[in-house]
Amino acid sequence: MKQLDARSVATVAAGGAAGAVARHLLVGAAGAHGWAATLAVNVVGAFLLGLLLERLARGGRDTGRRRRVRLLLGTGALGGFTTYSGIAVEVLARLDAGQWAGAGAYGLGTVLAGLVACGAGVVVGARRAAR
């Protein structure tokens, strides 16, 4: 495990704060359709994370500027932007309302959509790097 340093921690914290605020604003703006905003945030975030990590990996070792970008945008901003806890709360709300099928579809659908989006991001990143 790499040793943590204050600069890396600050970089992740800054990115995480920005990502969490962006998610809060988007989900808040959705009002009663907050579940759809959470789904969109997670799918878009998964795509962007796949794209970012693929591009960084093809650029060389995880050191220097690439490492700082990964910490700021990947671990920080996209980590703060996406939310597993939001999915869990929304699934529980559906279960409490007796919407068992909806809860299962939303939970499983979100995870599957995130996997597909992340894979698509990796493919796009690989194709762009090959140019």
C-alpha atoms as a PDB file:
ATOM      1  CA  MET A   1       0.000   0.000   0.000  1.00  0.00           C
ATOM      2  CA  LYS A   2       1.299   3.428  -0.906  1.00  0.00           C
ATOM      3  CA  GLN A   3       1.913   5.759   1.973  1.00  0.00           C
ATOM      4  CA  LEU A   4      -0.564   8.592   2.247  1.00  0.00           C
ATOM      5  CA  ASP A   5       0.745  12.108   2.174  1.00  0.00           C
ATOM      6  CA  ALA A   6      -1.035  15.343   3.052  1.00  0.00           C
ATOM      7  CA  ARG A   7      -1.094  16.550  -0.561  1.00  0.00           C
ATOM      8  CA  SER A   8      -2.783  13.365  -1.801  1.00  0.00           C
ATOM      9  CA  VAL A   9      -5.364  13.500   0.976  1.00  0.00           C
ATOM     10  CA  ALA A  10      -6.086  17.170   0.223  1.00  0.00           C
ATOM     11  CA  THR A  11      -6.389  16.396  -3.496  1.00  0.00           C
ATOM     12  CA  VAL A  12      -8.945  13.629  -2.881  1.00  0.00           C
ATOM     13  CA  ALA A  13     -10.833  15.808  -0.390  1.00  0.00           C
ATOM     14  CA  ALA A  14     -11.064  18.736  -2.817  1.00  0.00           C
ATOM     15  CA  GLY A  15     -12.291  16.514  -5.636  1.00  0.00           C
ATOM     16  CA  GLY A  16     -14.677  14.663  -3.343  1.00  0.00           C
ATOM     17  CA  ALA A  17     -16.207  17.895  -2.076  1.00  0.00           C
ATOM     18  CA  ALA A  18     -16.769  19.162  -5.618  1.00  0.00           C
ATOM     19  CA  GLY A  19     -18.284  15.856  -6.757  1.00  0.00           C
ATOM     20  CA  ALA A  20     -20.577  15.578  -3.740  1.00  0.00           C
ATOM     21  CA  VAL A  21     -21.807  19.161  -4.153  1.00  0.00           C
ATOM     22  CA  ALA A  22     -22.487  18.561  -7.863  1.00  0.00           C
ATOM     23  CA  ARG A  23     -24.497  15.424  -7.026  1.00  0.00           C
ATOM     24  CA  HIS A  24     -26.402  17.230  -4.269  1.00  0.00           C
ATOM     25  CA  LEU A  25     -27.370  20.044  -6.639  1.00  0.00           C
ATOM     26  CA  LEU A  26     -28.451  17.704  -9.450  1.00  0.00           C
ATOM     27  CA  VAL A  27     -30.464  15.370  -7.232  1.00  0.00           C
ATOM     28  CA  GLY A  28     -31.976  18.325  -5.368  1.00  0.00           C
ATOM     29  CA  ALA A  29     -33.012  19.978  -8.629  1.00  0.00           C
ATOM     30  CA  ALA A  30     -34.804  16.779  -9.671  1.00  0.00           C
ATOM     31  CA  GLY A  31     -37.262  17.106  -6.782  1.00  0.00           C
ATOM     32  CA  ALA A  32     -39.695  14.198  -6.680  1.00  0.00           C
ATOM     33  CA  HIS A  33     -37.688  12.473  -9.407  1.00  0.00           C
ATOM     34  CA  GLY A  34     -34.545  12.313  -7.276  1.00  0.00           C
ATOM     35  CA  TRP A  35     -34.268   8.575  -7.887  1.00  0.00           C
ATOM     36  CA  ALA A  36     -33.883   9.211 -11.638  1.00  0.00           C
ATOM     37  CA  ALA A  37     -31.212  11.824 -10.978  1.00  0.00           C
ATOM     38  CA  THR A  38     -29.349   9.392  -8.711  1.00  0.00           C
ATOM     39  CA  LEU A  39     -29.512   6.763 -11.447  1.00  0.00           C
ATOM     40  CA  ALA A  40     -28.239   9.247 -14.040  1.00  0.00           C
ATOM     41  CA  VAL A  41     -25.458  10.465 -11.748  1.00  0.00           C
ATOM     42  CA  ASN A  42     -24.257   6.914 -11.124  1.00  0.00           C
ATOM     43  CA  VAL A  43     -24.375   5.845 -14.772  1.00  0.00           C
ATOM     44  CA  VAL A  44     -22.680   9.017 -16.045  1.00  0.00           C
ATOM     45  CA  GLY A  45     -20.135   8.828 -13.227  1.00  0.00           C
ATOM     46  CA  ALA A  46     -19.352   5.184 -14.032  1.00  0.00           C
ATOM     47  CA  PHE A  47     -18.834   6.047 -17.703  1.00  0.00           C
ATOM     48  CA  LEU A  48     -16.569   8.981 -16.865  1.00  0.00           C
ATOM     49  CA  LEU A  49     -14.565   6.906 -14.389  1.00  0.00           C
ATOM     50  CA  GLY A  50     -14.013   4.157 -16.966  1.00  0.00           C
ATOM     51  CA  LEU A  51     -12.986   6.745 -19.556  1.00  0.00           C
ATOM     52  CA  LEU A  52     -10.645   8.563 -17.167  1.00  0.00           C
ATOM     53  CA  LEU A  53      -8.919   5.464 -15.829  1.00  0.00           C
ATOM     54  CA  GLU A  54      -8.421   3.977 -19.290  1.00  0.00           C
ATOM     55  CA  ARG A  55      -6.913   7.207 -20.604  1.00  0.00           C
ATOM     56  CA  LEU A  56      -4.633   7.528 -17.596  1.00  0.00           C
ATOM     57  CA  ALA A  57      -3.555   3.876 -17.777  1.00  0.00           C
ATOM     58  CA  ARG A  58      -2.628   4.229 -21.438  1.00  0.00           C
ATOM     59  CA  GLY A  59      -0.621   7.348 -20.642  1.00  0.00           C
ATOM     60  CA  GLY A  60       1.914   5.543 -18.503  1.00  0.00           C
ATOM     61  CA  ARG A  61       2.664   4.848 -14.871  1.00  0.00           C
ATOM     62  CA  ASP A  62       0.458   6.093 -12.052  1.00  0.00           C
ATOM     63  CA  THR A  63       2.923   8.736 -10.914  1.00  0.00           C
ATOM     64  CA  GLY A  64       3.279  12.496 -10.934  1.00  0.00           C
ATOM     65  CA  ARG A  65       0.601  14.416 -12.785  1.00  0.00           C
ATOM     66  CA  ARG A  66      -1.337  11.272 -13.814  1.00  0.00           C
ATOM     67  CA  ARG A  67      -1.587  10.200 -10.180  1.00  0.00           C
ATOM     68  CA  ARG A  68      -2.762  13.665  -9.089  1.00  0.00           C
ATOM     69  CA  VAL A  69      -5.397  13.701 -11.854  1.00  0.00           C
ATOM     70  CA  ARG A  70      -6.588  10.212 -10.836  1.00  0.00           C
ATOM     71  CA  LEU A  71      -6.803  11.238  -7.183  1.00  0.00           C
ATOM     72  CA  LEU A  72      -8.567  14.547  -7.914  1.00  0.00           C
ATOM     73  CA  LEU A  73     -10.992  13.445 -10.623  1.00  0.00           C
ATOM     74  CA  GLY A  74     -11.312   9.671 -10.150  1.00  0.00           C
ATOM     75  CA  THR A  75     -11.110   8.967  -6.436  1.00  0.00           C
ATOM     76  CA  GLY A  76     -12.218  12.458  -5.417  1.00  0.00           C
ATOM     77  CA  ALA A  77     -14.687  14.080  -7.818  1.00  0.00           C
ATOM     78  CA  LEU A  78     -16.242  10.965  -9.362  1.00  0.00           C
ATOM     79  CA  GLY A  79     -16.122   9.124  -6.037  1.00  0.00           C
ATOM     80  CA  GLY A  80     -18.044  12.003  -4.450  1.00  0.00           C
ATOM     81  CA  PHE A  81     -20.352  12.383  -7.452  1.00  0.00           C
ATOM     82  CA  THR A  82     -21.502   8.764  -7.567  1.00  0.00           C
ATOM     83  CA  THR A  83     -23.284   7.260  -4.588  1.00  0.00           C
ATOM     84  CA  TYR A  84     -23.960   3.742  -3.421  1.00  0.00           C
ATOM     85  CA  SER A  85     -25.692   5.036  -0.308  1.00  0.00           C
ATOM     86  CA  GLY A  86     -28.219   6.919  -2.438  1.00  0.00           C
ATOM     87  CA  ILE A  87     -29.089   3.718  -4.281  1.00  0.00           C
ATOM     88  CA  ALA A  88     -29.493   1.842  -0.991  1.00  0.00           C
ATOM     89  CA  VAL A  89     -31.817   4.499   0.460  1.00  0.00           C
ATOM     90  CA  GLU A  90     -33.954   4.567  -2.680  1.00  0.00           C
ATOM     91  CA  VAL A  91     -34.220   0.760  -2.788  1.00  0.00           C
ATOM     92  CA  LEU A  92     -35.248   0.709   0.889  1.00  0.00           C
ATOM     93  CA  ALA A  93     -37.881   3.389   0.253  1.00  0.00           C
ATOM     94  CA  ARG A  94     -39.415   1.202  -2.451  1.00  0.00           C
ATOM     95  CA  LEU A  95     -39.309  -1.850  -0.185  1.00  0.00           C
ATOM     96  CA  ASP A  96     -41.011   0.123   2.609  1.00  0.00           C
ATOM     97  CA  ALA A  97     -43.723   1.114   0.124  1.00  0.00           C
ATOM     98  CA  GLY A  98     -44.236  -2.542  -0.819  1.00  0.00           C
ATOM     99  CA  GLN A  99     -42.780  -2.028  -4.299  1.00  0.00           C
ATOM    100  CA  TRP A 100     -40.690  -5.190  -4.286  1.00  0.00           C
ATOM    101  CA  ALA A 101     -40.346  -5.507  -8.047  1.00  0.00           C
ATOM    102  CA  GLY A 102     -39.500  -1.824  -8.413  1.00  0.00           C
ATOM    103  CA  ALA A 103     -36.895  -2.056  -5.660  1.00  0.00           C
ATOM    104  CA  GLY A 104     -35.240  -5.066  -7.265  1.00  0.00           C
ATOM    105  CA  ALA A 105     -35.360  -3.606 -10.754  1.00  0.00           C
ATOM    106  CA  TYR A 106     -33.937  -0.273  -9.608  1.00  0.00           C
ATOM    107  CA  GLY A 107     -31.139  -1.799  -7.530  1.00  0.00           C
ATOM    108  CA  LEU A 108     -30.090  -4.410 -10.065  1.00  0.00           C
ATOM    109  CA  GLY A 109     -30.679  -2.096 -13.014  1.00  0.00           C
ATOM    110  CA  THR A 110     -28.498   0.610 -11.500  1.00  0.00           C
ATOM    111  CA  VAL A 111     -25.616  -1.790 -10.919  1.00  0.00           C
ATOM    112  CA  LEU A 112     -25.902  -3.295 -14.415  1.00  0.00           C
ATOM    113  CA  ALA A 113     -26.219   0.112 -16.084  1.00  0.00           C
ATOM    114  CA  GLY A 114     -23.151   1.282 -14.167  1.00  0.00           C
ATOM    115  CA  LEU A 115     -21.142  -1.737 -15.319  1.00  0.00           C
ATOM    116  CA  VAL A 116     -22.163  -1.203 -18.938  1.00  0.00           C
ATOM    117  CA  ALA A 117     -21.426   2.529 -18.718  1.00  0.00           C
ATOM    118  CA  CYS A 118     -18.012   1.943 -17.153  1.00  0.00           C
ATOM    119  CA  GLY A 119     -17.184  -0.602 -19.850  1.00  0.00           C
ATOM    120  CA  ALA A 120     -18.298   1.870 -22.513  1.00  0.00           C
ATOM    121  CA  GLY A 121     -16.042   4.501 -20.966  1.00  0.00           C
ATOM    122  CA  VAL A 122     -13.093   2.110 -21.124  1.00  0.00           C
ATOM    123  CA  VAL A 123     -13.830   1.346 -24.797  1.00  0.00           C
ATOM    124  CA  VAL A 124     -14.137   5.043 -25.679  1.00  0.00           C
ATOM    125  CA  GLY A 125     -10.939   5.814 -23.779  1.00  0.00           C
ATOM    126  CA  ALA A 126      -9.075   3.031 -25.564  1.00  0.00           C
ATOM    127  CA  ARG A 127     -10.292   4.134 -28.995  1.00  0.00           C
ATOM    128  CA  ARG A 128      -9.395   7.765 -28.370  1.00  0.00           C
ATOM    129  CA  ALA A 129      -5.945   6.770 -27.160  1.00  0.00           C
ATOM    130  CA  ALA A 130      -5.393   4.655 -30.285  1.00  0.00           C
ATOM    131  CA  ARG A 131      -5.819   7.696 -32.556  1.00  0.00           C
END
